[in-house]
N, C-alpha and C. Protein backbone atom coordinates (compact mmCIF):
# COMPACT_ATOMS: atom_id res chain seq x y z
N MET A 1 49.01 75.35 101.71
CA MET A 1 48.31 76.63 101.59
C MET A 1 49.29 77.75 101.92
N SER A 2 49.40 78.70 101.02
CA SER A 2 50.35 79.79 101.26
C SER A 2 49.61 81.05 101.69
N THR A 3 50.33 81.88 102.40
CA THR A 3 49.76 83.16 102.84
C THR A 3 50.24 84.25 101.90
N PRO A 4 49.55 85.36 101.84
CA PRO A 4 49.99 86.44 100.94
C PRO A 4 51.33 87.05 101.36
N PHE A 5 51.79 86.74 102.56
CA PHE A 5 53.04 87.31 103.04
C PHE A 5 54.22 86.35 102.89
N ALA A 6 53.97 85.14 102.40
CA ALA A 6 55.05 84.16 102.25
C ALA A 6 55.90 84.49 101.04
N GLY A 7 57.16 84.10 101.09
CA GLY A 7 58.04 84.29 99.96
C GLY A 7 58.97 85.48 100.13
N PRO A 8 59.92 85.62 99.21
CA PRO A 8 60.90 86.70 99.31
C PRO A 8 60.26 88.07 99.07
N LEU A 9 60.90 89.06 99.62
CA LEU A 9 60.40 90.43 99.48
C LEU A 9 61.28 91.22 98.51
N GLU A 10 61.64 90.60 97.41
CA GLU A 10 62.55 91.22 96.44
C GLU A 10 62.02 92.54 95.90
N ASN A 11 60.75 92.62 95.66
CA ASN A 11 60.16 93.82 95.06
C ASN A 11 59.52 94.73 96.09
N PHE A 12 59.88 94.56 97.35
CA PHE A 12 59.27 95.36 98.41
C PHE A 12 59.42 96.85 98.17
N GLU A 13 60.61 97.28 97.77
CA GLU A 13 60.85 98.71 97.52
C GLU A 13 59.95 99.24 96.42
N LEU A 14 59.64 98.41 95.43
CA LEU A 14 58.80 98.87 94.32
C LEU A 14 57.34 99.05 94.73
N THR A 15 56.92 98.30 95.75
CA THR A 15 55.52 98.39 96.15
C THR A 15 55.28 99.37 97.30
N ARG A 16 56.35 99.82 97.92
CA ARG A 16 56.19 100.78 99.02
C ARG A 16 55.74 102.13 98.50
N MET A 17 54.93 102.78 99.28
CA MET A 17 54.44 104.10 98.92
C MET A 17 55.53 105.14 99.21
N PRO A 18 55.79 106.05 98.29
CA PRO A 18 56.79 107.08 98.57
C PRO A 18 56.22 108.14 99.52
N PHE A 19 57.09 108.77 100.26
CA PHE A 19 56.71 109.85 101.14
C PHE A 19 57.58 111.06 100.82
N PHE A 20 56.99 112.25 100.87
CA PHE A 20 57.69 113.48 100.55
C PHE A 20 57.49 114.51 101.65
N ILE A 21 58.52 115.30 101.85
CA ILE A 21 58.44 116.47 102.71
C ILE A 21 58.53 117.65 101.74
N TYR A 22 57.72 118.66 101.94
CA TYR A 22 57.72 119.76 100.99
C TYR A 22 57.61 121.11 101.70
N LEU A 23 58.08 122.13 101.00
CA LEU A 23 57.92 123.52 101.44
C LEU A 23 57.20 124.28 100.34
N LEU A 24 56.17 124.98 100.72
CA LEU A 24 55.47 125.87 99.80
C LEU A 24 55.80 127.30 100.18
N GLU A 25 55.91 128.15 99.18
CA GLU A 25 56.00 129.59 99.45
C GLU A 25 54.64 130.17 99.14
N CYS A 26 54.07 130.83 100.12
CA CYS A 26 52.74 131.42 99.97
C CYS A 26 52.84 132.82 99.34
N ALA A 27 51.71 133.36 98.97
CA ALA A 27 51.67 134.68 98.33
C ALA A 27 52.25 135.77 99.22
N ASP A 28 52.14 135.60 100.54
CA ASP A 28 52.68 136.60 101.47
C ASP A 28 54.15 136.33 101.82
N LYS A 29 54.78 135.43 101.06
CA LYS A 29 56.21 135.07 101.20
C LYS A 29 56.52 134.25 102.45
N THR A 30 55.50 133.73 103.13
CA THR A 30 55.74 132.81 104.23
C THR A 30 55.91 131.40 103.67
N PHE A 31 56.50 130.52 104.48
CA PHE A 31 56.68 129.13 104.08
C PHE A 31 55.68 128.25 104.82
N TYR A 32 55.24 127.21 104.14
CA TYR A 32 54.40 126.18 104.74
C TYR A 32 55.09 124.86 104.52
N CYS A 33 55.28 124.08 105.57
CA CYS A 33 55.94 122.78 105.47
C CYS A 33 54.93 121.68 105.74
N GLY A 34 55.01 120.61 104.97
CA GLY A 34 54.13 119.47 105.17
C GLY A 34 54.75 118.20 104.63
N TRP A 35 54.01 117.11 104.74
CA TRP A 35 54.45 115.84 104.18
C TRP A 35 53.25 115.21 103.47
N THR A 36 53.55 114.31 102.54
CA THR A 36 52.50 113.66 101.76
C THR A 36 53.04 112.40 101.12
N ASN A 37 52.14 111.58 100.59
CA ASN A 37 52.56 110.43 99.79
C ASN A 37 52.23 110.65 98.31
N ASP A 38 51.64 111.79 97.97
CA ASP A 38 51.36 112.14 96.58
C ASP A 38 51.59 113.65 96.43
N LEU A 39 52.82 114.01 96.07
CA LEU A 39 53.23 115.41 96.06
C LEU A 39 52.41 116.26 95.09
N LYS A 40 52.22 115.77 93.88
CA LYS A 40 51.48 116.55 92.88
C LYS A 40 50.04 116.82 93.35
N LYS A 41 49.39 115.78 93.82
CA LYS A 41 48.00 115.93 94.28
C LYS A 41 47.90 116.87 95.48
N ARG A 42 48.87 116.78 96.39
CA ARG A 42 48.84 117.63 97.59
C ARG A 42 49.05 119.10 97.25
N VAL A 43 50.00 119.38 96.35
CA VAL A 43 50.24 120.77 95.95
C VAL A 43 49.02 121.33 95.23
N GLU A 44 48.40 120.52 94.39
CA GLU A 44 47.18 120.96 93.70
C GLU A 44 46.07 121.26 94.71
N ALA A 45 45.96 120.44 95.75
CA ALA A 45 44.95 120.66 96.79
C ALA A 45 45.22 121.97 97.54
N HIS A 46 46.50 122.21 97.85
CA HIS A 46 46.84 123.48 98.51
C HIS A 46 46.47 124.65 97.61
N ASP A 47 46.84 124.57 96.34
CA ASP A 47 46.58 125.68 95.42
C ASP A 47 45.09 125.91 95.19
N ALA A 48 44.30 124.86 95.37
CA ALA A 48 42.85 125.00 95.23
C ALA A 48 42.19 125.46 96.53
N GLY A 49 43.00 125.64 97.59
CA GLY A 49 42.46 126.09 98.87
C GLY A 49 41.79 124.98 99.66
N LYS A 50 42.14 123.72 99.37
CA LYS A 50 41.46 122.59 100.01
C LYS A 50 42.37 121.74 100.88
N ALA A 51 43.58 122.21 101.19
CA ALA A 51 44.51 121.37 101.94
C ALA A 51 44.75 121.84 103.37
N SER A 52 44.79 123.13 103.59
CA SER A 52 45.00 123.63 104.95
C SER A 52 44.46 125.04 105.07
N ARG A 53 44.05 125.39 106.26
CA ARG A 53 43.55 126.76 106.50
C ARG A 53 44.65 127.78 106.28
N TYR A 54 45.87 127.40 106.69
CA TYR A 54 46.99 128.35 106.57
C TYR A 54 47.20 128.76 105.11
N THR A 55 47.32 127.78 104.22
CA THR A 55 47.59 128.13 102.82
C THR A 55 46.35 128.69 102.12
N ARG A 56 45.17 128.28 102.55
CA ARG A 56 43.94 128.79 101.94
C ARG A 56 43.86 130.30 102.03
N ALA A 57 44.37 130.86 103.12
CA ALA A 57 44.33 132.31 103.33
C ALA A 57 45.51 133.02 102.67
N ARG A 58 46.41 132.27 102.02
CA ARG A 58 47.63 132.87 101.47
C ARG A 58 47.89 132.41 100.03
N LEU A 59 46.84 132.25 99.27
CA LEU A 59 46.97 131.79 97.88
C LEU A 59 47.46 132.90 96.97
N PRO A 60 48.13 132.57 95.89
CA PRO A 60 48.52 131.23 95.46
C PRO A 60 49.78 130.77 96.17
N VAL A 61 50.02 129.45 96.12
CA VAL A 61 51.22 128.88 96.71
C VAL A 61 52.10 128.32 95.60
N LYS A 62 53.39 128.19 95.91
CA LYS A 62 54.33 127.67 94.93
C LYS A 62 55.24 126.65 95.63
N LEU A 63 55.38 125.48 95.04
CA LEU A 63 56.28 124.47 95.58
C LEU A 63 57.71 124.94 95.35
N VAL A 64 58.48 125.10 96.43
CA VAL A 64 59.85 125.59 96.31
C VAL A 64 60.88 124.58 96.77
N TYR A 65 60.43 123.51 97.44
CA TYR A 65 61.37 122.51 97.94
C TYR A 65 60.64 121.21 98.22
N SER A 66 61.29 120.10 97.90
CA SER A 66 60.76 118.79 98.29
C SER A 66 61.91 117.82 98.43
N GLU A 67 61.70 116.83 99.26
CA GLU A 67 62.66 115.74 99.39
C GLU A 67 61.89 114.47 99.69
N LYS A 68 62.48 113.35 99.31
CA LYS A 68 61.84 112.06 99.49
C LYS A 68 62.29 111.45 100.81
N ALA A 69 61.38 110.74 101.47
CA ALA A 69 61.70 110.05 102.73
C ALA A 69 61.46 108.56 102.54
N LYS A 70 62.17 107.77 103.32
CA LYS A 70 62.08 106.31 103.19
C LYS A 70 60.83 105.73 103.84
N SER A 71 60.23 106.46 104.77
CA SER A 71 59.05 105.95 105.48
C SER A 71 58.21 107.13 105.97
N LYS A 72 57.00 106.82 106.41
CA LYS A 72 56.14 107.86 106.96
C LYS A 72 56.78 108.45 108.21
N GLY A 73 57.34 107.59 109.05
CA GLY A 73 58.00 108.06 110.27
C GLY A 73 59.15 109.00 109.97
N ALA A 74 59.94 108.65 108.96
CA ALA A 74 61.07 109.51 108.57
C ALA A 74 60.56 110.84 108.03
N ALA A 75 59.45 110.80 107.28
CA ALA A 75 58.87 112.04 106.74
C ALA A 75 58.37 112.94 107.86
N LEU A 76 57.70 112.35 108.84
CA LEU A 76 57.19 113.14 109.97
C LEU A 76 58.33 113.75 110.78
N LYS A 77 59.38 112.99 110.98
CA LYS A 77 60.54 113.49 111.73
C LYS A 77 61.21 114.64 110.99
N ARG A 78 61.39 114.48 109.68
CA ARG A 78 62.04 115.53 108.89
C ARG A 78 61.15 116.78 108.82
N GLU A 79 59.84 116.59 108.68
CA GLU A 79 58.92 117.72 108.67
C GLU A 79 59.07 118.53 109.96
N ALA A 80 59.14 117.84 111.09
CA ALA A 80 59.29 118.52 112.39
C ALA A 80 60.61 119.28 112.45
N GLU A 81 61.68 118.68 111.91
CA GLU A 81 62.99 119.36 111.88
C GLU A 81 62.91 120.64 111.06
N ILE A 82 62.31 120.56 109.90
CA ILE A 82 62.21 121.74 109.02
C ILE A 82 61.32 122.81 109.65
N LYS A 83 60.23 122.41 110.27
CA LYS A 83 59.34 123.39 110.90
C LYS A 83 60.03 124.16 112.02
N ARG A 84 61.02 123.53 112.66
CA ARG A 84 61.75 124.22 113.73
C ARG A 84 62.80 125.19 113.21
N LEU A 85 63.12 125.15 111.92
CA LEU A 85 64.10 126.06 111.35
C LEU A 85 63.54 127.48 111.28
N SER A 86 64.44 128.44 111.38
CA SER A 86 64.03 129.83 111.19
C SER A 86 63.67 130.05 109.72
N ARG A 87 63.02 131.17 109.44
CA ARG A 87 62.68 131.47 108.06
C ARG A 87 63.93 131.56 107.20
N ASP A 88 64.99 132.19 107.71
CA ASP A 88 66.24 132.31 106.96
C ASP A 88 66.84 130.95 106.64
N LYS A 89 66.77 130.03 107.59
CA LYS A 89 67.32 128.69 107.34
C LYS A 89 66.47 127.90 106.35
N LYS A 90 65.17 128.12 106.38
CA LYS A 90 64.30 127.49 105.38
C LYS A 90 64.63 128.05 103.99
N ALA A 91 64.85 129.35 103.90
CA ALA A 91 65.22 129.98 102.61
C ALA A 91 66.56 129.43 102.13
N ALA A 92 67.50 129.20 103.05
CA ALA A 92 68.79 128.62 102.68
C ALA A 92 68.63 127.19 102.18
N LEU A 93 67.72 126.44 102.78
CA LEU A 93 67.43 125.08 102.34
C LEU A 93 66.90 125.09 100.91
N VAL A 94 66.00 126.00 100.63
CA VAL A 94 65.46 126.16 99.28
C VAL A 94 66.57 126.55 98.31
N ALA A 95 67.41 127.49 98.70
CA ALA A 95 68.50 127.94 97.84
C ALA A 95 69.49 126.81 97.56
N CYS A 96 69.79 126.00 98.56
CA CYS A 96 70.71 124.86 98.36
C CYS A 96 70.13 123.87 97.37
N LYS A 97 68.85 123.62 97.46
CA LYS A 97 68.18 122.68 96.55
C LYS A 97 68.24 123.20 95.12
N ARG A 98 68.23 124.51 94.96
CA ARG A 98 68.28 125.10 93.63
C ARG A 98 69.70 125.23 93.11
N GLY A 99 70.69 124.86 93.93
CA GLY A 99 72.07 124.89 93.48
C GLY A 99 72.87 126.07 94.00
N PHE A 100 72.24 126.92 94.79
CA PHE A 100 72.95 128.04 95.39
C PHE A 100 73.38 127.61 96.77
N ARG A 101 74.66 127.46 96.99
CA ARG A 101 75.15 126.94 98.26
C ARG A 101 75.19 128.01 99.33
N GLN A 102 74.40 127.80 100.36
CA GLN A 102 74.40 128.67 101.53
C GLN A 102 74.39 127.76 102.74
N PRO A 103 75.16 128.08 103.75
CA PRO A 103 75.14 127.23 104.93
C PRO A 103 73.80 127.31 105.66
N ILE A 104 73.38 126.20 106.22
CA ILE A 104 72.12 126.16 106.96
C ILE A 104 72.40 126.26 108.43
């Protein structure tokens, strides 16, 4: 009798859920940082005013930055790092992602 966990984990990476860290720019030009496992759905929820009180009061929002994380823990850690950045450093992060090199 075999268990569902027996055997090689060759396709483990294919079955793992992706995690994303993202930055939204709100209508008042502030940034909102969060993490999710479904980026498209989460941004749509923010834009519909159903994801957070902060963004609901600052619609519309625009996705300006995202990065993939290897695990939920890594996503939470990176989200905390980004939240501690100043607004200028968050803007530099966005600019670097767009190809404009600015030191962070």
